[in-house]
PDB file of N, CA and C in Angstrom:
ATOM      1  N   MET A   1       0.634  -1.138  -0.009  1.00  0.00           N
ATOM      2  CA  MET A   1       0.178   0.210  -0.026  1.00  0.00           C
ATOM      3  C   MET A   1       0.932   1.108   0.187  1.00  0.00           C
ATOM      4  N   THR A   2       0.239   2.231  -0.795  1.00  0.00           N
ATOM      5  CA  THR A   2       1.367   3.730  -0.588  1.00  0.00           C
ATOM      6  C   THR A   2       0.955   4.168   0.017  1.00  0.00           C
ATOM      7  N   GLU A   3       1.838   5.495   0.656  1.00  0.00           N
ATOM      8  CA  GLU A   3       1.879   6.084   2.277  1.00  0.00           C
ATOM      9  C   GLU A   3       0.602   6.980   1.496  1.00  0.00           C
ATOM     10  N   LYS A   4      -0.129   7.707   1.851  1.00  0.00           N
ATOM     11  CA  LYS A   4      -0.416   9.487   1.610  1.00  0.00           C
ATOM     12  C   LYS A   4       0.332  10.610   1.390  1.00  0.00           C
ATOM     13  N   LYS A   5       0.807  10.900   0.985  1.00  0.00           N
ATOM     14  CA  LYS A   5       1.472  11.888  -0.129  1.00  0.00           C
ATOM     15  C   LYS A   5       0.746  13.385   0.257  1.00  0.00           C
ATOM     16  N   TYR A   6       1.445  13.912   1.032  1.00  0.00           N
ATOM     17  CA  TYR A   6       1.084  15.721   1.544  1.00  0.00           C
ATOM     18  C   TYR A   6       1.312  16.722   1.026  1.00  0.00           C
ATOM     19  N   PHE A   7       0.812  18.321  -0.118  1.00  0.00           N
ATOM     20  CA  PHE A   7       1.394  18.426  -0.423  1.00  0.00           C
ATOM     21  C   PHE A   7       1.154  20.190   0.189  1.00  0.00           C
ATOM     22  N   CYS A   8       2.002  21.035  -0.569  1.00  0.00           N
ATOM     23  CA  CYS A   8       2.200  22.390  -0.254  1.00  0.00           C
ATOM     24  C   CYS A   8       1.233  23.264  -0.944  1.00  0.00           C
ATOM     25  N   CYS A   9       1.251  22.694  -2.045  1.00  0.00           N
ATOM     26  CA  CYS A   9       1.376  23.666  -3.155  1.00  0.00           C
ATOM     27  C   CYS A   9      -0.082  22.827  -4.119  1.00  0.00           C
ATOM     28  N   PRO A  10      -1.214  23.304  -4.411  1.00  0.00           N
ATOM     29  CA  PRO A  10      -2.095  22.236  -5.581  1.00  0.00           C
ATOM     30  C   PRO A  10      -1.038  21.986  -6.956  1.00  0.00           C
ATOM     31  N   ILE A  11      -0.214  22.454  -7.792  1.00  0.00           N
ATOM     32  CA  ILE A  11       0.106  22.368  -8.628  1.00  0.00           C
ATOM     33  C   ILE A  11       1.437  21.249  -8.557  1.00  0.00           C
ATOM     34  N   ASP A  12       1.871  20.939  -7.404  1.00  0.00           N
ATOM     35  CA  ASP A  12       3.069  19.787  -6.590  1.00  0.00           C
ATOM     36  C   ASP A  12       2.537  19.273  -7.056  1.00  0.00           C
ATOM     37  N   ALA A  13       1.288  18.921  -6.322  1.00  0.00           N
ATOM     38  CA  ALA A  13       0.055  17.189  -6.071  1.00  0.00           C
ATOM     39  C   ALA A  13       0.132  16.773  -7.698  1.00  0.00           C
ATOM     40  N   THR A  14      -0.680  18.036  -9.179  1.00  0.00           N
ATOM     41  CA  THR A  14      -0.677  17.699 -10.037  1.00  0.00           C
ATOM     42  C   THR A  14       0.103  17.917 -10.707  1.00  0.00           C
ATOM     43  N   ILE A  15       1.343  18.096 -10.598  1.00  0.00           N
ATOM     44  CA  ILE A  15       2.617  17.617 -11.548  1.00  0.00           C
ATOM     45  C   ILE A  15       2.874  16.053 -10.771  1.00  0.00           C
ATOM     46  N   SER A  16       3.150  16.471  -9.531  1.00  0.00           N
ATOM     47  CA  SER A  16       3.252  15.197  -9.109  1.00  0.00           C
ATOM     48  C   SER A  16       3.227  13.390  -9.315  1.00  0.00           C
ATOM     49  N   LEU A  17       1.413  13.848 -10.286  1.00  0.00           N
ATOM     50  CA  LEU A  17       1.146  12.881 -11.191  1.00  0.00           C
ATOM     51  C   LEU A  17       1.119  13.029 -12.195  1.00  0.00           C
ATOM     52  N   ILE A  18       1.364  13.915 -13.071  1.00  0.00           N
ATOM     53  CA  ILE A  18       1.443  13.603 -14.512  1.00  0.00           C
ATOM     54  C   ILE A  18       3.024  13.868 -15.096  1.00  0.00           C
ATOM     55  N   GLY A  19       3.291  14.116 -13.873  1.00  0.00           N
ATOM     56  CA  GLY A  19       5.012  15.523 -14.511  1.00  0.00           C
ATOM     57  C   GLY A  19       5.880  14.204 -15.177  1.00  0.00           C
ATOM     58  N   GLY A  20       5.718  13.150 -15.679  1.00  0.00           N
ATOM     59  CA  GLY A  20       6.293  11.991 -16.156  1.00  0.00           C
ATOM     60  C   GLY A  20       6.558  12.887 -17.500  1.00  0.00           C
ATOM     61  N   LYS A  21       8.093  11.602 -18.430  1.00  0.00           N
ATOM     62  CA  LYS A  21       7.534  12.882 -19.382  1.00  0.00           C
ATOM     63  C   LYS A  21       7.133  12.236 -20.596  1.00  0.00           C
ATOM     64  N   TYR A  22       6.288  11.443 -20.155  1.00  0.00           N
ATOM     65  CA  TYR A  22       5.429  10.672 -21.727  1.00  0.00           C
ATOM     66  C   TYR A  22       3.975  10.528 -20.758  1.00  0.00           C
ATOM     67  N   LYS A  23       3.747  11.026 -19.286  1.00  0.00           N
ATOM     68  CA  LYS A  23       2.345  10.263 -19.057  1.00  0.00           C
ATOM     69  C   LYS A  23       1.764  11.123 -19.729  1.00  0.00           C
ATOM     70  N   THR A  24       1.759  12.108 -19.690  1.00  0.00           N
ATOM     71  CA  THR A  24       0.293  13.168 -20.456  1.00  0.00           C
ATOM     72  C   THR A  24       0.393  12.670 -21.916  1.00  0.00           C
ATOM     73  N   LYS A  25       0.797  12.372 -22.193  1.00  0.00           N
ATOM     74  CA  LYS A  25       0.987  11.229 -23.957  1.00  0.00           C
ATOM     75  C   LYS A  25      -0.288  10.025 -24.045  1.00  0.00           C
ATOM     76  N   ILE A  26       0.559   9.517 -22.827  1.00  0.00           N
ATOM     77  CA  ILE A  26      -0.153   8.418 -22.270  1.00  0.00           C
ATOM     78  C   ILE A  26      -1.481   8.857 -22.098  1.00  0.00           C
ATOM     79  N   LEU A  27      -2.016  10.040 -20.965  1.00  0.00           N
ATOM     80  CA  LEU A  27      -3.101  10.177 -20.561  1.00  0.00           C
ATOM     81  C   LEU A  27      -4.122  10.459 -22.112  1.00  0.00           C
ATOM     82  N   TRP A  28      -3.649  11.194 -22.021  1.00  0.00           N
ATOM     83  CA  TRP A  28      -4.209  11.969 -23.751  1.00  0.00           C
ATOM     84  C   TRP A  28      -5.009  10.833 -24.404  1.00  0.00           C
ATOM     85  N   ASN A  29      -3.781   9.948 -24.913  1.00  0.00           N
ATOM     86  CA  ASN A  29      -4.068   8.703 -25.767  1.00  0.00           C
ATOM     87  C   ASN A  29      -5.055   7.792 -25.118  1.00  0.00           C
ATOM     88  N   LEU A  30      -5.362   7.944 -23.748  1.00  0.00           N
ATOM     89  CA  LEU A  30      -6.263   6.902 -23.218  1.00  0.00           C
ATOM     90  C   LEU A  30      -7.708   7.539 -22.912  1.00  0.00           C
ATOM     91  N   VAL A  31      -7.965   8.857 -22.949  1.00  0.00           N
ATOM     92  CA  VAL A  31      -9.178   9.044 -23.028  1.00  0.00           C
ATOM     93  C   VAL A  31     -10.454   8.510 -23.700  1.00  0.00           C
ATOM     94  N   ASP A  32     -10.515   8.329 -24.645  1.00  0.00           N
ATOM     95  CA  ASP A  32     -11.508   7.906 -24.743  1.00  0.00           C
ATOM     96  C   ASP A  32     -11.237   6.550 -25.972  1.00  0.00           C
ATOM     97  N   GLN A  33     -10.267   5.941 -25.056  1.00  0.00           N
ATOM     98  CA  GLN A  33     -10.322   3.854 -26.011  1.00  0.00           C
ATOM     99  C   GLN A  33      -9.154   3.290 -24.602  1.00  0.00           C
ATOM    100  N   THR A  34      -9.153   2.060 -24.894  1.00  0.00           N
ATOM    101  CA  THR A  34      -8.139   1.064 -24.066  1.00  0.00           C
ATOM    102  C   THR A  34      -7.393   0.778 -25.256  1.00  0.00           C
ATOM    103  N   LEU A  35      -6.275   0.978 -24.812  1.00  0.00           N
ATOM    104  CA  LEU A  35      -5.181   0.416 -26.198  1.00  0.00           C
ATOM    105  C   LEU A  35      -3.816  -0.850 -24.973  1.00  0.00           C
ATOM    106  N   ARG A  36      -3.116  -1.701 -26.125  1.00  0.00           N
ATOM    107  CA  ARG A  36      -2.214  -2.848 -25.639  1.00  0.00           C
ATOM    108  C   ARG A  36      -1.305  -1.584 -25.503  1.00  0.00           C
ATOM    109  N   PHE A  37      -0.393  -2.710 -24.999  1.00  0.00           N
ATOM    110  CA  PHE A  37       1.202  -1.919 -25.011  1.00  0.00           C
ATOM    111  C   PHE A  37       1.903  -1.260 -25.871  1.00  0.00           C
ATOM    112  N   ASN A  38       1.516  -2.306 -27.001  1.00  0.00           N
ATOM    113  CA  ASN A  38       2.236  -2.552 -28.587  1.00  0.00           C
ATOM    114  C   ASN A  38       1.850  -0.589 -29.517  1.00  0.00           C
ATOM    115  N   GLU A  39       0.261  -0.937 -29.218  1.00  0.00           N
ATOM    116  CA  GLU A  39      -0.298   0.405 -29.432  1.00  0.00           C
ATOM    117  C   GLU A  39       0.011   1.408 -29.199  1.00  0.00           C
ATOM    118  N   LEU A  40       0.682   1.613 -27.199  1.00  0.00           N
ATOM    119  CA  LEU A  40       0.780   2.991 -27.151  1.00  0.00           C
ATOM    120  C   LEU A  40       2.129   3.543 -26.789  1.00  0.00           C
ATOM    121  N   GLN A  41       2.686   2.066 -27.333  1.00  0.00           N
ATOM    122  CA  GLN A  41       4.714   2.202 -27.477  1.00  0.00           C
ATOM    123  C   GLN A  41       4.642   2.744 -29.367  1.00  0.00           C
ATOM    124  N   LYS A  42       4.095   2.214 -30.154  1.00  0.00           N
ATOM    125  CA  LYS A  42       3.268   3.529 -31.440  1.00  0.00           C
ATOM    126  C   LYS A  42       3.502   4.308 -31.197  1.00  0.00           C
ATOM    127  N   ILE A  43       2.556   4.780 -30.603  1.00  0.00           N
ATOM    128  CA  ILE A  43       2.068   6.956 -30.421  1.00  0.00           C
ATOM    129  C   ILE A  43       3.305   7.134 -29.333  1.00  0.00           C
ATOM    130  N   VAL A  44       3.249   6.500 -28.055  1.00  0.00           N
ATOM    131  CA  VAL A  44       4.773   7.697 -27.703  1.00  0.00           C
ATOM    132  C   VAL A  44       6.045   6.548 -27.652  1.00  0.00           C
ATOM    133  N   HIS A  45       6.250   6.514 -29.244  1.00  0.00           N
ATOM    134  CA  HIS A  45       7.675   5.931 -29.937  1.00  0.00           C
ATOM    135  C   HIS A  45       9.508   6.548 -29.650  1.00  0.00           C
ATOM    136  N   GLN A  46       8.722   7.376 -29.035  1.00  0.00           N
ATOM    137  CA  GLN A  46       9.815   8.195 -28.518  1.00  0.00           C
ATOM    138  C   GLN A  46      10.401   7.494 -27.121  1.00  0.00           C
ATOM    139  N   ALA A  47       9.650   6.515 -26.552  1.00  0.00           N
ATOM    140  CA  ALA A  47      10.286   5.970 -25.246  1.00  0.00           C
ATOM    141  C   ALA A  47      10.751   4.471 -25.032  1.00  0.00           C
ATOM    142  N   THR A  48      11.785   4.425 -24.385  1.00  0.00           N
ATOM    143  CA  THR A  48      12.173   2.871 -24.852  1.00  0.00           C
ATOM    144  C   THR A  48      10.498   1.936 -23.877  1.00  0.00           C
ATOM    145  N   PRO A  49      10.622   0.519 -23.670  1.00  0.00           N
ATOM    146  CA  PRO A  49       9.992  -0.045 -23.850  1.00  0.00           C
ATOM    147  C   PRO A  49       9.756   0.148 -22.004  1.00  0.00           C
ATOM    148  N   LYS A  50      10.942  -0.254 -21.787  1.00  0.00           N
ATOM    149  CA  LYS A  50      11.739  -0.260 -20.436  1.00  0.00           C
ATOM    150  C   LYS A  50      10.895   1.171 -19.359  1.00  0.00           C
ATOM    151  N   MET A  51      11.235   2.427 -20.099  1.00  0.00           N
ATOM    152  CA  MET A  51      10.846   4.182 -20.381  1.00  0.00           C
ATOM    153  C   MET A  51       9.249   3.797 -19.907  1.00  0.00           C
ATOM    154  N   LEU A  52       8.615   2.906 -21.003  1.00  0.00           N
ATOM    155  CA  LEU A  52       7.412   3.337 -21.104  1.00  0.00           C
ATOM    156  C   LEU A  52       6.760   2.471 -20.004  1.00  0.00           C
ATOM    157  N   THR A  53       7.327   1.017 -19.756  1.00  0.00           N
ATOM    158  CA  THR A  53       6.532   0.365 -18.824  1.00  0.00           C
ATOM    159  C   THR A  53       6.549   0.820 -16.834  1.00  0.00           C
ATOM    160  N   GLN A  54       7.974   1.733 -16.940  1.00  0.00           N
ATOM    161  CA  GLN A  54       7.777   2.486 -15.432  1.00  0.00           C
ATOM    162  C   GLN A  54       6.783   3.296 -15.754  1.00  0.00           C
ATOM    163  N   GLN A  55       6.455   4.235 -17.068  1.00  0.00           N
ATOM    164  CA  GLN A  55       5.961   4.954 -16.938  1.00  0.00           C
ATOM    165  C   GLN A  55       4.192   5.293 -16.372  1.00  0.00           C
ATOM    166  N   LEU A  56       3.903   3.897 -17.468  1.00  0.00           N
ATOM    167  CA  LEU A  56       2.480   3.316 -17.175  1.00  0.00           C
ATOM    168  C   LEU A  56       2.871   2.548 -15.614  1.00  0.00           C
ATOM    169  N   ARG A  57       3.678   1.758 -15.255  1.00  0.00           N
ATOM    170  CA  ARG A  57       3.437   1.441 -13.603  1.00  0.00           C
ATOM    171  C   ARG A  57       2.605   2.877 -12.813  1.00  0.00           C
ATOM    172  N   GLU A  58       3.552   3.508 -12.616  1.00  0.00           N
ATOM    173  CA  GLU A  58       3.630   4.920 -11.683  1.00  0.00           C
ATOM    174  C   GLU A  58       1.978   5.505 -12.060  1.00  0.00           C
ATOM    175  N   LEU A  59       1.747   5.178 -13.429  1.00  0.00           N
ATOM    176  CA  LEU A  59       0.198   5.328 -13.529  1.00  0.00           C
ATOM    177  C   LEU A  59      -0.625   5.298 -12.942  1.00  0.00           C
ATOM    178  N   GLU A  60      -0.174   3.499 -13.515  1.00  0.00           N
ATOM    179  CA  GLU A  60      -1.422   2.713 -12.320  1.00  0.00           C
ATOM    180  C   GLU A  60      -0.804   3.057 -10.439  1.00  0.00           C
ATOM    181  N   ARG A  61       0.084   3.004 -10.089  1.00  0.00           N
ATOM    182  CA  ARG A  61       0.125   3.155  -8.274  1.00  0.00           C
ATOM    183  C   ARG A  61      -0.834   4.555  -8.693  1.00  0.00           C
ATOM    184  N   ASP A  62      -0.429   5.175  -9.401  1.00  0.00           N
ATOM    185  CA  ASP A  62      -1.527   6.736  -8.997  1.00  0.00           C
ATOM    186  C   ASP A  62      -2.734   6.590  -8.849  1.00  0.00           C
ATOM    187  N   GLY A  63      -3.390   5.244  -9.230  1.00  0.00           N
ATOM    188  CA  GLY A  63      -4.806   5.076  -9.551  1.00  0.00           C
ATOM    189  C   GLY A  63      -5.144   5.789 -10.847  1.00  0.00           C
ATOM    190  N   LEU A  64      -4.313   6.185 -11.627  1.00  0.00           N
ATOM    191  CA  LEU A  64      -4.598   7.273 -12.662  1.00  0.00           C
ATOM    192  C   LEU A  64      -5.337   5.637 -13.973  1.00  0.00           C
ATOM    193  N   ILE A  65      -4.367   5.015 -14.265  1.00  0.00           N
ATOM    194  CA  ILE A  65      -5.196   4.050 -15.494  1.00  0.00           C
ATOM    195  C   ILE A  65      -5.296   2.462 -15.236  1.00  0.00           C
ATOM    196  N   THR A  66      -6.077   1.598 -14.961  1.00  0.00           N
ATOM    197  CA  THR A  66      -6.382   0.424 -14.986  1.00  0.00           C
ATOM    198  C   THR A  66      -4.736  -0.801 -16.139  1.00  0.00           C
ATOM    199  N   ARG A  67      -4.655  -1.244 -15.587  1.00  0.00           N
ATOM    200  CA  ARG A  67      -4.111  -2.575 -16.533  1.00  0.00           C
ATOM    201  C   ARG A  67      -4.618  -3.897 -16.281  1.00  0.00           C
ATOM    202  N   THR A  68      -4.713  -4.383 -17.627  1.00  0.00           N
ATOM    203  CA  THR A  68      -6.057  -5.868 -17.835  1.00  0.00           C
ATOM    204  C   THR A  68      -4.429  -6.803 -18.133  1.00  0.00           C
ATOM    205  N   VAL A  69      -3.765  -7.889 -17.518  1.00  0.00           N
ATOM    206  CA  VAL A  69      -3.906  -9.043 -18.238  1.00  0.00           C
ATOM    207  C   VAL A  69      -4.662 -10.013 -18.683  1.00  0.00           C
ATOM    208  N   TYR A  70      -4.875 -10.168 -19.876  1.00  0.00           N
ATOM    209  CA  TYR A  70      -6.161 -11.632 -20.110  1.00  0.00           C
ATOM    210  C   TYR A  70      -4.464 -13.031 -20.560  1.00  0.00           C
ATOM    211  N   PRO A  71      -4.649 -13.930 -19.080  1.00  0.00           N
ATOM    212  CA  PRO A  71      -3.968 -15.217 -19.836  1.00  0.00           C
ATOM    213  C   PRO A  71      -4.245 -16.041 -21.005  1.00  0.00           C
ATOM    214  N   VAL A  72      -3.741 -15.775 -21.815  1.00  0.00           N
ATOM    215  CA  VAL A  72      -3.945 -15.766 -23.174  1.00  0.00           C
ATOM    216  C   VAL A  72      -2.126 -16.228 -23.739  1.00  0.00           C
ATOM    217  N   VAL A  73      -1.882 -16.527 -24.727  1.00  0.00           N
ATOM    218  CA  VAL A  73      -0.572 -16.954 -25.048  1.00  0.00           C
ATOM    219  C   VAL A  73      -1.091 -16.746 -26.805  1.00  0.00           C
ATOM    220  N   PRO A  74       0.107 -15.592 -27.297  1.00  0.00           N
ATOM    221  CA  PRO A  74       0.924 -14.570 -26.291  1.00  0.00           C
ATOM    222  C   PRO A  74       0.335 -13.471 -25.589  1.00  0.00           C
ATOM    223  N   PRO A  75       0.649 -12.962 -23.909  1.00  0.00           N
ATOM    224  CA  PRO A  75       0.240 -12.130 -23.225  1.00  0.00           C
ATOM    225  C   PRO A  75      -0.415 -10.963 -24.332  1.00  0.00           C
ATOM    226  N   LYS A  76      -1.500 -10.939 -23.937  1.00  0.00           N
ATOM    227  CA  LYS A  76      -2.643  -9.481 -23.914  1.00  0.00           C
ATOM    228  C   LYS A  76      -2.659  -8.760 -23.229  1.00  0.00           C
ATOM    229  N   THR A  77      -2.449  -7.580 -22.387  1.00  0.00           N
ATOM    230  CA  THR A  77      -2.338  -6.685 -21.063  1.00  0.00           C
ATOM    231  C   THR A  77      -3.088  -5.488 -21.898  1.00  0.00           C
ATOM    232  N   GLU A  78      -4.277  -4.558 -21.249  1.00  0.00           N
ATOM    233  CA  GLU A  78      -4.832  -3.431 -21.955  1.00  0.00           C
ATOM    234  C   GLU A  78      -4.672  -2.407 -20.813  1.00  0.00           C
ATOM    235  N   TYR A  79      -5.058  -1.356 -21.002  1.00  0.00           N
ATOM    236  CA  TYR A  79      -4.529   0.055 -20.637  1.00  0.00           C
ATOM    237  C   TYR A  79      -5.747   0.825 -20.931  1.00  0.00           C
ATOM    238  N   ALA A  80      -6.314   1.589 -19.620  1.00  0.00           N
ATOM    239  CA  ALA A  80      -7.562   2.144 -19.775  1.00  0.00           C
ATOM    240  C   ALA A  80      -7.514   3.066 -18.530  1.00  0.00           C
ATOM    241  N   LEU A  81      -7.738   4.552 -18.604  1.00  0.00           N
ATOM    242  CA  LEU A  81      -8.308   4.916 -17.489  1.00  0.00           C
ATOM    243  C   LEU A  81      -9.120   4.498 -16.346  1.00  0.00           C
ATOM    244  N   THR A  82      -8.725   5.159 -15.684  1.00  0.00           N
ATOM    245  CA  THR A  82      -9.979   4.675 -14.377  1.00  0.00           C
ATOM    246  C   THR A  82     -10.629   5.984 -13.951  1.00  0.00           C
ATOM    247  N   SER A  83     -11.910   6.108 -13.465  1.00  0.00           N
ATOM    248  CA  SER A  83     -12.740   7.653 -13.365  1.00  0.00           C
ATOM    249  C   SER A  83     -11.547   8.302 -12.714  1.00  0.00           C
ATOM    250  N   PHE A  84     -10.937   8.647 -11.823  1.00  0.00           N
ATOM    251  CA  PHE A  84     -10.008   9.316 -11.620  1.00  0.00           C
ATOM    252  C   PHE A  84      -8.856  10.340 -12.862  1.00  0.00           C
ATOM    253  N   GLY A  85      -8.445   9.017 -13.641  1.00  0.00           N
ATOM    254  CA  GLY A  85      -7.631   9.913 -14.281  1.00  0.00           C
ATOM    255  C   GLY A  85      -8.866  10.069 -15.475  1.00  0.00           C
ATOM    256  N   GLN A  86      -9.774   9.659 -15.890  1.00  0.00           N
ATOM    257  CA  GLN A  86     -10.895  10.432 -16.273  1.00  0.00           C
ATOM    258  C   GLN A  86     -10.783  12.256 -16.110  1.00  0.00           C
ATOM    259  N   SER A  87     -10.946  12.033 -14.686  1.00  0.00           N
ATOM    260  CA  SER A  87     -11.111  13.858 -14.408  1.00  0.00           C
ATOM    261  C   SER A  87      -9.667  14.942 -14.768  1.00  0.00           C
ATOM    262  N   LEU A  88      -8.785  14.610 -14.866  1.00  0.00           N
ATOM    263  CA  LEU A  88      -8.021  14.931 -15.457  1.00  0.00           C
ATOM    264  C   LEU A  88      -7.968  15.338 -16.960  1.00  0.00           C
ATOM    265  N   TYR A  89      -8.885  14.970 -17.531  1.00  0.00           N
ATOM    266  CA  TYR A  89      -9.320  15.509 -18.973  1.00  0.00           C
ATOM    267  C   TYR A  89      -9.514  17.093 -19.082  1.00  0.00           C
ATOM    268  N   PRO A  90      -9.755  17.622 -18.232  1.00  0.00           N
ATOM    269  CA  PRO A  90     -10.246  19.005 -18.975  1.00  0.00           C
ATOM    270  C   PRO A  90      -8.892  19.730 -18.457  1.00  0.00           C
ATOM    271  N   ILE A  91      -8.177  19.427 -18.102  1.00  0.00           N
ATOM    272  CA  ILE A  91      -6.702  19.696 -17.387  1.00  0.00           C
ATOM    273  C   ILE A  91      -6.047  19.258 -19.343  1.00  0.00           C
ATOM    274  N   LEU A  92      -5.594  18.058 -19.646  1.00  0.00           N
ATOM    275  CA  LEU A  92      -5.207  17.562 -20.428  1.00  0.00           C
ATOM    276  C   LEU A  92      -6.051  18.250 -21.405  1.00  0.00           C
ATOM    277  N   ASP A  93      -7.059  18.641 -21.878  1.00  0.00           N
ATOM    278  CA  ASP A  93      -7.538  19.023 -22.414  1.00  0.00           C
ATOM    279  C   ASP A  93      -7.291  20.454 -22.793  1.00  0.00           C
ATOM    280  N   ALA A  94      -6.944  21.335 -21.781  1.00  0.00           N
ATOM    281  CA  ALA A  94      -7.012  23.163 -21.713  1.00  0.00           C
ATOM    282  C   ALA A  94      -5.359  22.518 -22.088  1.00  0.00           C
ATOM    283  N   MET A  95      -4.435  21.622 -22.043  1.00  0.00           N
ATOM    284  CA  MET A  95      -2.664  22.172 -22.632  1.00  0.00           C
ATOM    285  C   MET A  95      -2.996  21.594 -23.651  1.00  0.00           C
ATOM    286  N   CYS A  96      -3.311  20.792 -24.678  1.00  0.00           N
ATOM    287  CA  CYS A  96      -3.677  20.427 -25.835  1.00  0.00           C
ATOM    288  C   CYS A  96      -3.807  21.855 -26.912  1.00  0.00           C
ATOM    289  N   GLU A  97      -5.044  22.538 -25.886  1.00  0.00           N
ATOM    290  CA  GLU A  97      -5.777  23.817 -26.645  1.00  0.00           C
ATOM    291  C   GLU A  97      -4.667  24.881 -26.604  1.00  0.00           C
ATOM    292  N   TRP A  98      -3.470  24.979 -25.243  1.00  0.00           N
ATOM    293  CA  TRP A  98      -2.784  25.788 -25.113  1.00  0.00           C
ATOM    294  C   TRP A  98      -1.868  25.218 -26.210  1.00  0.00           C
ATOM    295  N   GLY A  99      -1.582  24.283 -26.088  1.00  0.00           N
ATOM    296  CA  GLY A  99      -0.188  23.419 -27.111  1.00  0.00           C
ATOM    297  C   GLY A  99      -0.620  24.189 -29.166  1.00  0.00           C
ATOM    298  N   LYS A 100      -1.951  23.818 -29.121  1.00  0.00           N
ATOM    299  CA  LYS A 100      -2.476  24.206 -29.964  1.00  0.00           C
ATOM    300  C   LYS A 100      -1.939  25.715 -30.665  1.00  0.00           C
ATOM    301  N   ASP A 101      -2.529  26.639 -30.003  1.00  0.00           N
ATOM    302  CA  ASP A 101      -2.429  28.591 -29.370  1.00  0.00           C
ATOM    303  C   ASP A 101      -0.375  28.306 -30.070  1.00  0.00           C
ATOM    304  N   TYR A 102       0.196  27.925 -29.050  1.00  0.00           N
ATOM    305  CA  TYR A 102       1.448  28.047 -29.345  1.00  0.00           C
ATOM    306  C   TYR A 102       1.786  27.435 -30.715  1.00  0.00           C
ATOM    307  N   MET A 103       1.994  26.452 -31.046  1.00  0.00           N
ATOM    308  CA  MET A 103       2.447  26.046 -32.169  1.00  0.00           C
ATOM    309  C   MET A 103       1.719  27.109 -33.363  1.00  0.00           C
ATOM    310  N   ALA A 104       1.523  26.995 -33.282  1.00  0.00           N
ATOM    311  CA  ALA A 104       0.439  28.170 -34.511  1.00  0.00           C
ATOM    312  C   ALA A 104       1.421  29.527 -34.620  1.00  0.00           C
ATOM    313  N   GLU A 105       1.510  30.385 -33.703  1.00  0.00           N
ATOM    314  CA  GLU A 105       2.474  31.217 -33.362  1.00  0.00           C
ATOM    315  C   GLU A 105       3.923  30.687 -33.697  1.00  0.00           C
ATOM    316  N   GLU A 106       4.479  29.565 -33.353  1.00  0.00           N
ATOM    317  CA  GLU A 106       5.656  29.406 -32.939  1.00  0.00           C
ATOM    318  C   GLU A 106       5.776  29.447 -34.933  1.00  0.00           C
ATOM    319  N   ALA A 107       4.732  28.833 -35.726  1.00  0.00           N
ATOM    320  CA  ALA A 107       4.956  28.173 -36.947  1.00  0.00           C
ATOM    321  C   ALA A 107       5.757  29.718 -37.684  1.00  0.00           C
ATOM    322  N   PRO A 108       6.349  29.342 -38.429  1.00  0.00           N
ATOM    323  CA  PRO A 108       7.164  30.649 -39.595  1.00  0.00           C
ATOM    324  C   PRO A 108       6.189  31.251 -40.603  1.00  0.00           C
ATOM    325  N   ASP A 109       6.229  32.350 -40.649  1.00  0.00           N
ATOM    326  CA  ASP A 109       4.801  33.386 -41.391  1.00  0.00           C
ATOM    327  C   ASP A 109       5.030  33.204 -42.663  1.00  0.00           C
ATOM    328  N   GLU A 110       4.832  32.892 -43.500  1.00  0.00           N
ATOM    329  CA  GLU A 110       4.929  32.650 -45.062  1.00  0.00           C
ATOM    330  C   GLU A 110       4.744  33.681 -45.338  1.00  0.00           C
ATOM    331  N   THR A 111       4.361  35.145 -45.093  1.00  0.00           N
ATOM    332  CA  THR A 111       4.244  36.005 -45.388  1.00  0.00           C
ATOM    333  C   THR A 111       5.826  37.287 -45.240  1.00  0.00           C
ATOM    334  N   ALA A 112       5.944  37.271 -44.228  1.00  0.00           N
ATOM    335  CA  ALA A 112       7.022  37.839 -43.700  1.00  0.00           C
ATOM    336  C   ALA A 112       8.802  36.295 -44.395  1.00  0.00           C
ATOM    337  N   VAL A 113       8.597  35.683 -44.759  1.00  0.00           N
ATOM    338  CA  VAL A 113       9.727  34.774 -45.328  1.00  0.00           C
ATOM    339  C   VAL A 113      10.006  35.395 -47.101  1.00  0.00           C
ATOM    340  N   ASN A 114       8.669  35.698 -47.602  1.00  0.00           N
ATOM    341  CA  ASN A 114       9.078  35.745 -49.107  1.00  0.00           C
ATOM    342  C   ASN A 114       8.410  37.121 -49.445  1.00  0.00           C
ATOM    343  N   GLN A 115       9.034  38.249 -47.890  1.00  0.00           N
ATOM    344  CA  GLN A 115       9.401  39.883 -48.351  1.00  0.00           C
ATOM    345  C   GLN A 115      10.685  40.065 -48.758  1.00  0.00           C
TER     346      GLN A 115
END
């Protein structure tokens, strides 16, 4: 059983759950679907299998995702958001929208290049 964590700042509490290198990308892709490990690996292709496994275990430990292992050969493992994980949707959506705006601002202005 994990110990209860205490935080002095709400931002620290949030970052402690979603602040891994690939955690937000994993969570965002599990919002509307259940995915198998290999599917997640294709989405988070920058992560090594070891790193992806570590991030998934931390998300599971923190109650954000569930891991279901089916007793078949070859092994089948699926990951899905818990209701607690689903509660992060507004935060993830806001991050996505902010990122879209940021990317649009950072895109080279075609008119400036041609002048």
